[in-house]
Amino acid sequence: MSYGARGGRFSGRQRGRSKMYNSRMPVIIQHPNPASAHYYENKDGAKIVKASHFELDYMLGRKITFFCMATGVPRPEITWFKDGIELYAHKYFQVHEWPIGNDTMKSKMEIDPTTQKDAGYYECQANNKYAIDIRGFRTDYVMVTY
């Protein structure tokens, strides 16, 4: 039998399970009004269909890259955020976008070279006039000693 950090008992099998409401995972809430459900679940709404892995450890001075691909009609716009603040292009941060057909946008965000300040929580937000979809990515740096 094991004891948790708060003194509670748990078996080894339950040890790896956590409560979802403590993470930044999306919470699905049912719409009380069927009309609002129809609006917010519009088939043409922005939807992220491919994205980078959730967690990334990077070595200082190396490049980090995140990827998002979203569909929707009209074609979604993709915006990148770090720790809740919108990111703008600068010398070490670049965003590359590729429209595909009339309904898809691919976006790749790169930081090169990376520093300790680049660790954090990044989000890719796709939006059009019908919906907003968000994916998050957590990063942290690793120190390499020789």
N, C-alpha and C. Protein backbone atom coordinates (compact mmCIF):
# COMPACT_ATOMS: atom_id res chain seq x y z
N MET A 1 0.85 -1.17 0.00
CA MET A 1 0.00 0.00 0.00
C MET A 1 0.89 1.23 0.00
N SER A 2 0.51 2.28 -0.76
CA SER A 2 1.29 3.51 -0.84
C SER A 2 0.48 4.68 -0.28
N TYR A 3 1.20 5.72 0.06
CA TYR A 3 0.54 6.91 0.58
C TYR A 3 0.87 8.09 -0.33
N GLY A 4 -0.15 8.90 -0.65
CA GLY A 4 0.02 10.06 -1.51
C GLY A 4 0.64 11.22 -0.74
N ALA A 5 0.95 12.28 -1.47
CA ALA A 5 1.58 13.46 -0.89
C ALA A 5 0.70 14.11 0.17
N ARG A 6 -0.60 13.93 0.09
CA ARG A 6 -1.51 14.53 1.07
C ARG A 6 -1.91 13.54 2.15
N GLY A 7 -1.23 12.42 2.23
CA GLY A 7 -1.48 11.46 3.29
C GLY A 7 -2.54 10.43 2.97
N GLY A 8 -3.18 10.52 1.80
CA GLY A 8 -4.21 9.55 1.45
C GLY A 8 -3.61 8.25 0.97
N ARG A 9 -4.34 7.16 1.17
CA ARG A 9 -3.87 5.85 0.72
C ARG A 9 -4.36 5.58 -0.69
N PHE A 10 -3.51 4.94 -1.48
CA PHE A 10 -3.95 4.48 -2.79
C PHE A 10 -3.15 3.24 -3.16
N SER A 11 -3.74 2.42 -4.00
CA SER A 11 -3.03 1.22 -4.44
C SER A 11 -2.14 1.59 -5.62
N GLY A 12 -1.19 0.75 -5.93
CA GLY A 12 -0.28 1.01 -7.03
C GLY A 12 -1.00 1.16 -8.35
N ARG A 13 -2.12 0.48 -8.54
CA ARG A 13 -2.86 0.54 -9.79
C ARG A 13 -3.45 1.93 -10.01
N GLN A 14 -3.90 2.61 -8.98
CA GLN A 14 -4.52 3.92 -9.13
C GLN A 14 -3.49 5.05 -9.15
N ARG A 15 -2.28 4.75 -8.84
CA ARG A 15 -1.25 5.76 -8.66
C ARG A 15 -1.09 6.69 -9.87
N GLY A 16 -1.11 6.15 -11.09
CA GLY A 16 -0.89 6.95 -12.28
C GLY A 16 -2.09 7.74 -12.74
N ARG A 17 -3.23 7.57 -12.13
CA ARG A 17 -4.44 8.26 -12.58
C ARG A 17 -4.58 9.59 -11.85
N SER A 18 -4.94 10.61 -12.60
CA SER A 18 -5.16 11.92 -11.98
C SER A 18 -6.55 12.42 -12.37
N LYS A 19 -7.04 13.37 -11.66
CA LYS A 19 -8.33 13.95 -11.97
C LYS A 19 -8.16 14.91 -13.13
N MET A 20 -9.02 14.79 -14.14
CA MET A 20 -8.89 15.59 -15.35
C MET A 20 -9.09 17.08 -15.09
N TYR A 21 -9.87 17.44 -14.09
CA TYR A 21 -10.14 18.86 -13.89
C TYR A 21 -8.94 19.63 -13.36
N ASN A 22 -7.88 18.95 -12.97
CA ASN A 22 -6.68 19.63 -12.52
C ASN A 22 -5.74 19.97 -13.68
N SER A 23 -5.98 19.43 -14.86
CA SER A 23 -5.12 19.69 -16.00
C SER A 23 -5.76 20.72 -16.91
N ARG A 24 -5.09 21.04 -18.01
CA ARG A 24 -5.62 22.01 -18.95
C ARG A 24 -6.36 21.31 -20.08
N MET A 25 -6.82 20.10 -19.84
CA MET A 25 -7.57 19.35 -20.84
C MET A 25 -8.95 19.99 -20.99
N PRO A 26 -9.51 19.96 -22.20
CA PRO A 26 -10.82 20.58 -22.39
C PRO A 26 -11.91 19.86 -21.60
N VAL A 27 -12.84 20.63 -21.10
CA VAL A 27 -13.99 20.10 -20.40
C VAL A 27 -15.19 20.24 -21.31
N ILE A 28 -15.92 19.18 -21.54
CA ILE A 28 -17.08 19.22 -22.43
C ILE A 28 -18.32 19.49 -21.60
N ILE A 29 -18.99 20.56 -21.95
CA ILE A 29 -20.21 20.96 -21.24
C ILE A 29 -21.37 20.88 -22.22
N GLN A 30 -22.42 20.20 -21.85
CA GLN A 30 -23.59 20.08 -22.71
C GLN A 30 -24.31 21.43 -22.81
N HIS A 31 -24.82 21.74 -23.99
CA HIS A 31 -25.55 22.98 -24.20
C HIS A 31 -26.97 22.83 -23.66
N PRO A 32 -27.42 23.73 -22.78
CA PRO A 32 -28.76 23.63 -22.24
C PRO A 32 -29.84 23.93 -23.29
N ASN A 33 -29.48 24.69 -24.31
CA ASN A 33 -30.44 25.09 -25.33
C ASN A 33 -30.07 24.40 -26.65
N PRO A 34 -30.97 23.62 -27.24
CA PRO A 34 -30.65 22.94 -28.50
C PRO A 34 -30.26 23.90 -29.62
N ALA A 35 -30.81 25.10 -29.62
CA ALA A 35 -30.46 26.08 -30.66
C ALA A 35 -29.00 26.49 -30.54
N SER A 36 -28.50 26.67 -29.33
CA SER A 36 -27.10 27.04 -29.16
C SER A 36 -26.18 25.88 -29.53
N ALA A 37 -26.61 24.65 -29.26
CA ALA A 37 -25.81 23.48 -29.67
C ALA A 37 -25.66 23.47 -31.18
N HIS A 38 -26.72 23.77 -31.91
CA HIS A 38 -26.66 23.79 -33.37
C HIS A 38 -25.66 24.85 -33.85
N TYR A 39 -25.65 26.01 -33.20
CA TYR A 39 -24.74 27.08 -33.58
C TYR A 39 -23.30 26.71 -33.28
N TYR A 40 -23.01 26.26 -32.06
CA TYR A 40 -21.64 26.02 -31.64
C TYR A 40 -21.05 24.74 -32.22
N GLU A 41 -21.87 23.83 -32.65
CA GLU A 41 -21.38 22.58 -33.24
C GLU A 41 -21.58 22.59 -34.75
N ASN A 42 -21.47 23.75 -35.36
CA ASN A 42 -21.65 23.91 -36.79
C ASN A 42 -20.61 23.07 -37.55
N LYS A 43 -21.05 22.37 -38.57
CA LYS A 43 -20.15 21.50 -39.33
C LYS A 43 -19.05 22.27 -40.04
N ASP A 44 -19.24 23.57 -40.26
CA ASP A 44 -18.24 24.40 -40.93
C ASP A 44 -17.31 25.10 -39.94
N GLY A 45 -17.50 24.87 -38.66
CA GLY A 45 -16.67 25.53 -37.65
C GLY A 45 -15.22 25.08 -37.71
N ALA A 46 -14.33 25.95 -37.26
CA ALA A 46 -12.89 25.64 -37.23
C ALA A 46 -12.65 24.42 -36.34
N LYS A 47 -11.83 23.50 -36.85
CA LYS A 47 -11.51 22.30 -36.09
C LYS A 47 -10.07 21.91 -36.38
N ILE A 48 -9.29 21.74 -35.31
CA ILE A 48 -7.90 21.31 -35.48
C ILE A 48 -7.91 19.81 -35.72
N VAL A 49 -7.35 19.39 -36.85
CA VAL A 49 -7.38 17.97 -37.22
C VAL A 49 -6.03 17.28 -37.03
N LYS A 50 -4.94 18.04 -36.96
CA LYS A 50 -3.61 17.48 -36.68
C LYS A 50 -2.85 18.49 -35.85
N ALA A 51 -2.07 17.99 -34.89
CA ALA A 51 -1.27 18.88 -34.06
C ALA A 51 -0.07 18.12 -33.49
N SER A 52 0.91 18.89 -33.03
CA SER A 52 2.11 18.31 -32.42
C SER A 52 1.77 17.55 -31.15
N HIS A 53 2.73 16.79 -30.67
CA HIS A 53 2.59 16.05 -29.42
C HIS A 53 2.43 17.04 -28.27
N PHE A 54 1.75 16.63 -27.21
CA PHE A 54 1.39 17.52 -26.10
C PHE A 54 2.60 18.05 -25.33
N GLU A 55 3.63 17.24 -25.09
CA GLU A 55 4.77 17.68 -24.28
C GLU A 55 6.06 17.58 -25.07
N LEU A 56 6.95 18.56 -24.85
CA LEU A 56 8.23 18.58 -25.56
C LEU A 56 9.31 19.09 -24.63
N ASP A 57 10.38 18.33 -24.48
CA ASP A 57 11.56 18.80 -23.77
C ASP A 57 12.58 19.18 -24.84
N TYR A 58 13.22 20.33 -24.67
CA TYR A 58 14.18 20.79 -25.67
C TYR A 58 15.52 21.11 -25.02
N MET A 59 16.56 21.05 -25.84
CA MET A 59 17.89 21.41 -25.37
C MET A 59 18.11 22.89 -25.67
N LEU A 60 18.69 23.60 -24.71
CA LEU A 60 18.94 25.03 -24.89
C LEU A 60 19.78 25.26 -26.14
N GLY A 61 19.39 26.28 -26.91
CA GLY A 61 20.13 26.61 -28.13
C GLY A 61 19.66 25.88 -29.36
N ARG A 62 18.82 24.87 -29.20
CA ARG A 62 18.29 24.12 -30.35
C ARG A 62 16.94 24.68 -30.77
N LYS A 63 16.44 24.20 -31.90
CA LYS A 63 15.15 24.65 -32.43
C LYS A 63 14.01 23.83 -31.85
N ILE A 64 12.88 24.50 -31.55
CA ILE A 64 11.65 23.78 -31.24
C ILE A 64 10.61 24.15 -32.30
N THR A 65 9.79 23.17 -32.65
CA THR A 65 8.79 23.35 -33.70
C THR A 65 7.47 22.76 -33.23
N PHE A 66 6.39 23.50 -33.43
CA PHE A 66 5.04 22.99 -33.19
C PHE A 66 4.24 23.13 -34.47
N PHE A 67 3.30 22.22 -34.66
CA PHE A 67 2.53 22.14 -35.89
C PHE A 67 1.04 22.06 -35.59
N CYS A 68 0.23 22.76 -36.37
CA CYS A 68 -1.23 22.67 -36.29
C CYS A 68 -1.81 22.68 -37.69
N MET A 69 -2.85 21.89 -37.90
CA MET A 69 -3.58 21.92 -39.16
C MET A 69 -5.06 21.95 -38.81
N ALA A 70 -5.78 22.93 -39.39
CA ALA A 70 -7.19 23.11 -39.07
C ALA A 70 -8.02 23.19 -40.34
N THR A 71 -9.27 22.73 -40.22
CA THR A 71 -10.21 22.82 -41.33
C THR A 71 -11.44 23.61 -40.91
N GLY A 72 -12.16 24.11 -41.89
CA GLY A 72 -13.40 24.84 -41.64
C GLY A 72 -13.75 25.69 -42.85
N VAL A 73 -15.01 26.13 -42.92
CA VAL A 73 -15.47 27.00 -44.01
C VAL A 73 -16.14 28.20 -43.36
N PRO A 74 -15.62 29.39 -43.53
CA PRO A 74 -14.41 29.73 -44.28
C PRO A 74 -13.14 29.18 -43.62
N ARG A 75 -12.05 29.14 -44.43
CA ARG A 75 -10.78 28.59 -43.94
C ARG A 75 -10.39 29.29 -42.63
N PRO A 76 -10.03 28.51 -41.60
CA PRO A 76 -9.69 29.11 -40.30
C PRO A 76 -8.39 29.91 -40.35
N GLU A 77 -8.28 30.86 -39.45
CA GLU A 77 -7.03 31.55 -39.17
C GLU A 77 -6.41 30.85 -37.96
N ILE A 78 -5.08 30.74 -37.94
CA ILE A 78 -4.39 30.11 -36.82
C ILE A 78 -3.54 31.16 -36.11
N THR A 79 -3.70 31.22 -34.79
CA THR A 79 -2.95 32.17 -33.96
C THR A 79 -2.21 31.37 -32.89
N TRP A 80 -0.99 31.78 -32.57
CA TRP A 80 -0.17 31.09 -31.58
C TRP A 80 -0.07 31.92 -30.30
N PHE A 81 -0.10 31.24 -29.14
CA PHE A 81 -0.02 31.87 -27.84
C PHE A 81 1.02 31.17 -26.98
N LYS A 82 1.63 31.92 -26.07
CA LYS A 82 2.51 31.33 -25.05
C LYS A 82 2.04 31.85 -23.70
N ASP A 83 1.72 30.91 -22.81
CA ASP A 83 1.23 31.26 -21.47
C ASP A 83 0.08 32.26 -21.54
N GLY A 84 -0.81 32.08 -22.54
CA GLY A 84 -2.00 32.90 -22.66
C GLY A 84 -1.82 34.22 -23.39
N ILE A 85 -0.61 34.52 -23.86
CA ILE A 85 -0.33 35.79 -24.54
C ILE A 85 -0.02 35.51 -26.01
N GLU A 86 -0.67 36.27 -26.90
CA GLU A 86 -0.46 36.07 -28.33
C GLU A 86 1.00 36.34 -28.71
N LEU A 87 1.54 35.48 -29.57
CA LEU A 87 2.93 35.61 -30.01
C LEU A 87 2.99 36.36 -31.34
N TYR A 88 3.97 37.22 -31.46
CA TYR A 88 4.20 37.95 -32.69
C TYR A 88 5.59 37.61 -33.22
N ALA A 89 5.74 37.63 -34.54
CA ALA A 89 7.02 37.26 -35.16
C ALA A 89 8.13 38.20 -34.70
N HIS A 90 9.29 37.64 -34.45
CA HIS A 90 10.50 38.40 -34.17
C HIS A 90 11.68 37.60 -34.67
N LYS A 91 12.87 38.05 -34.40
CA LYS A 91 14.10 37.46 -34.94
C LYS A 91 14.22 35.95 -34.69
N TYR A 92 13.81 35.48 -33.50
CA TYR A 92 14.00 34.07 -33.16
C TYR A 92 12.70 33.26 -33.19
N PHE A 93 11.60 33.89 -33.55
CA PHE A 93 10.29 33.22 -33.57
C PHE A 93 9.67 33.44 -34.94
N GLN A 94 9.29 32.33 -35.60
CA GLN A 94 8.69 32.44 -36.93
C GLN A 94 7.49 31.52 -37.04
N VAL A 95 6.52 31.97 -37.83
CA VAL A 95 5.34 31.16 -38.15
C VAL A 95 5.28 31.03 -39.66
N HIS A 96 5.12 29.80 -40.12
CA HIS A 96 4.95 29.52 -41.54
C HIS A 96 3.55 28.95 -41.73
N GLU A 97 2.82 29.46 -42.73
CA GLU A 97 1.46 28.98 -42.98
C GLU A 97 1.29 28.59 -44.44
N TRP A 98 0.49 27.52 -44.63
CA TRP A 98 0.20 27.04 -45.96
C TRP A 98 -1.30 26.80 -46.10
N PRO A 99 -2.01 27.60 -46.90
CA PRO A 99 -3.42 27.29 -47.16
C PRO A 99 -3.51 26.08 -48.09
N ILE A 100 -4.45 25.19 -47.81
CA ILE A 100 -4.67 24.00 -48.63
C ILE A 100 -6.13 24.00 -49.06
N GLY A 101 -6.38 24.09 -50.35
CA GLY A 101 -7.76 24.13 -50.84
C GLY A 101 -8.50 25.34 -50.28
N ASN A 102 -9.82 25.21 -50.15
CA ASN A 102 -10.64 26.31 -49.65
C ASN A 102 -10.95 26.21 -48.16
N ASP A 103 -10.56 25.08 -47.54
CA ASP A 103 -11.03 24.87 -46.17
C ASP A 103 -9.96 24.47 -45.16
N THR A 104 -8.67 24.44 -45.53
CA THR A 104 -7.64 23.94 -44.62
C THR A 104 -6.47 24.92 -44.53
N MET A 105 -5.93 25.04 -43.31
CA MET A 105 -4.74 25.86 -43.08
C MET A 105 -3.74 25.04 -42.27
N LYS A 106 -2.48 24.99 -42.75
CA LYS A 106 -1.40 24.37 -42.00
C LYS A 106 -0.55 25.49 -41.42
N SER A 107 -0.10 25.33 -40.18
CA SER A 107 0.73 26.33 -39.54
C SER A 107 1.84 25.65 -38.75
N LYS A 108 3.05 26.18 -38.90
CA LYS A 108 4.21 25.66 -38.17
C LYS A 108 4.86 26.83 -37.44
N MET A 109 5.06 26.67 -36.14
CA MET A 109 5.69 27.69 -35.32
C MET A 109 7.07 27.19 -34.91
N GLU A 110 8.10 28.04 -35.10
CA GLU A 110 9.47 27.65 -34.77
C GLU A 110 10.13 28.71 -33.90
N ILE A 111 10.92 28.25 -32.94
CA ILE A 111 11.78 29.12 -32.15
C ILE A 111 13.19 28.58 -32.28
N ASP A 112 14.10 29.44 -32.77
CA ASP A 112 15.47 29.00 -33.01
C ASP A 112 16.42 30.20 -32.91
N PRO A 113 17.34 30.20 -32.00
CA PRO A 113 17.64 29.20 -30.98
C PRO A 113 16.75 29.40 -29.74
N THR A 114 16.61 28.36 -28.95
CA THR A 114 15.79 28.43 -27.74
C THR A 114 16.61 28.87 -26.53
N THR A 115 15.90 29.45 -25.56
CA THR A 115 16.51 29.86 -24.30
C THR A 115 15.64 29.31 -23.16
N GLN A 116 16.04 29.54 -21.93
CA GLN A 116 15.25 29.11 -20.78
C GLN A 116 13.88 29.78 -20.77
N LYS A 117 13.79 31.00 -21.25
CA LYS A 117 12.53 31.74 -21.27
C LYS A 117 11.50 31.14 -22.22
N ASP A 118 11.92 30.26 -23.11
CA ASP A 118 10.98 29.64 -24.05
C ASP A 118 10.19 28.49 -23.43
N ALA A 119 10.54 28.07 -22.23
CA ALA A 119 9.78 27.02 -21.55
C ALA A 119 8.41 27.59 -21.17
N GLY A 120 7.37 26.77 -21.29
CA GLY A 120 6.03 27.25 -20.93
C GLY A 120 4.94 26.45 -21.61
N TYR A 121 3.77 27.06 -21.69
CA TYR A 121 2.59 26.42 -22.28
C TYR A 121 2.20 27.17 -23.54
N TYR A 122 2.30 26.51 -24.69
CA TYR A 122 1.97 27.11 -25.97
C TYR A 122 0.60 26.61 -26.43
N GLU A 123 -0.12 27.46 -27.16
CA GLU A 123 -1.41 27.07 -27.72
C GLU A 123 -1.50 27.48 -29.17
N CYS A 124 -2.13 26.62 -29.94
CA CYS A 124 -2.48 26.89 -31.32
C CYS A 124 -3.99 27.10 -31.31
N GLN A 125 -4.47 28.25 -31.80
CA GLN A 125 -5.90 28.52 -31.82
C GLN A 125 -6.35 28.70 -33.26
N ALA A 126 -7.29 27.88 -33.68
CA ALA A 126 -7.89 28.00 -35.01
C ALA A 126 -9.27 28.60 -34.84
N ASN A 127 -9.59 29.61 -35.66
CA ASN A 127 -10.93 30.18 -35.56
C ASN A 127 -11.45 30.65 -36.90
N ASN A 128 -12.76 30.54 -37.04
CA ASN A 128 -13.48 31.16 -38.14
C ASN A 128 -14.79 31.69 -37.55
N LYS A 129 -15.72 32.12 -38.39
CA LYS A 129 -16.92 32.77 -37.85
C LYS A 129 -17.85 31.81 -37.12
N TYR A 130 -17.60 30.50 -37.20
CA TYR A 130 -18.48 29.53 -36.54
C TYR A 130 -17.93 28.90 -35.27
N ALA A 131 -16.61 28.83 -35.15
CA ALA A 131 -16.05 28.12 -33.98
C ALA A 131 -14.60 28.49 -33.74
N ILE A 132 -14.14 28.18 -32.53
CA ILE A 132 -12.74 28.30 -32.14
C ILE A 132 -12.32 26.95 -31.57
N ASP A 133 -11.16 26.47 -32.00
CA ASP A 133 -10.62 25.22 -31.47
C ASP A 133 -9.19 25.50 -31.01
N ILE A 134 -8.79 24.90 -29.90
CA ILE A 134 -7.48 25.18 -29.31
C ILE A 134 -6.77 23.87 -28.96
N ARG A 135 -5.46 23.80 -29.23
CA ARG A 135 -4.62 22.71 -28.77
C ARG A 135 -3.45 23.30 -27.99
N GLY A 136 -3.05 22.62 -26.93
CA GLY A 136 -1.97 23.12 -26.09
C GLY A 136 -0.78 22.19 -26.10
N PHE A 137 0.40 22.80 -25.89
CA PHE A 137 1.67 22.08 -25.88
C PHE A 137 2.51 22.60 -24.73
N ARG A 138 3.02 21.72 -23.91
CA ARG A 138 3.86 22.13 -22.79
C ARG A 138 5.32 21.87 -23.15
N THR A 139 6.19 22.85 -22.85
CA THR A 139 7.62 22.69 -23.13
C THR A 139 8.43 22.96 -21.87
N ASP A 140 9.58 22.32 -21.82
CA ASP A 140 10.54 22.59 -20.77
C ASP A 140 11.92 22.28 -21.34
N TYR A 141 12.93 22.95 -20.82
CA TYR A 141 14.28 22.71 -21.33
C TYR A 141 14.99 21.65 -20.49
N VAL A 142 15.97 21.02 -21.10
CA VAL A 142 16.79 20.05 -20.40
C VAL A 142 18.24 20.53 -20.47
N MET A 143 18.94 20.31 -19.39
CA MET A 143 20.35 20.68 -19.33
C MET A 143 21.18 19.46 -19.71
N VAL A 144 22.12 19.64 -20.59
CA VAL A 144 23.01 18.56 -20.98
C VAL A 144 24.37 18.86 -20.39
N THR A 145 24.87 17.94 -19.57
CA THR A 145 26.20 18.15 -18.98
C THR A 145 27.16 17.11 -19.57
N TYR A 146 28.36 17.54 -19.78
CA TYR A 146 29.37 16.64 -20.35
C TYR A 146 30.43 16.32 -19.34
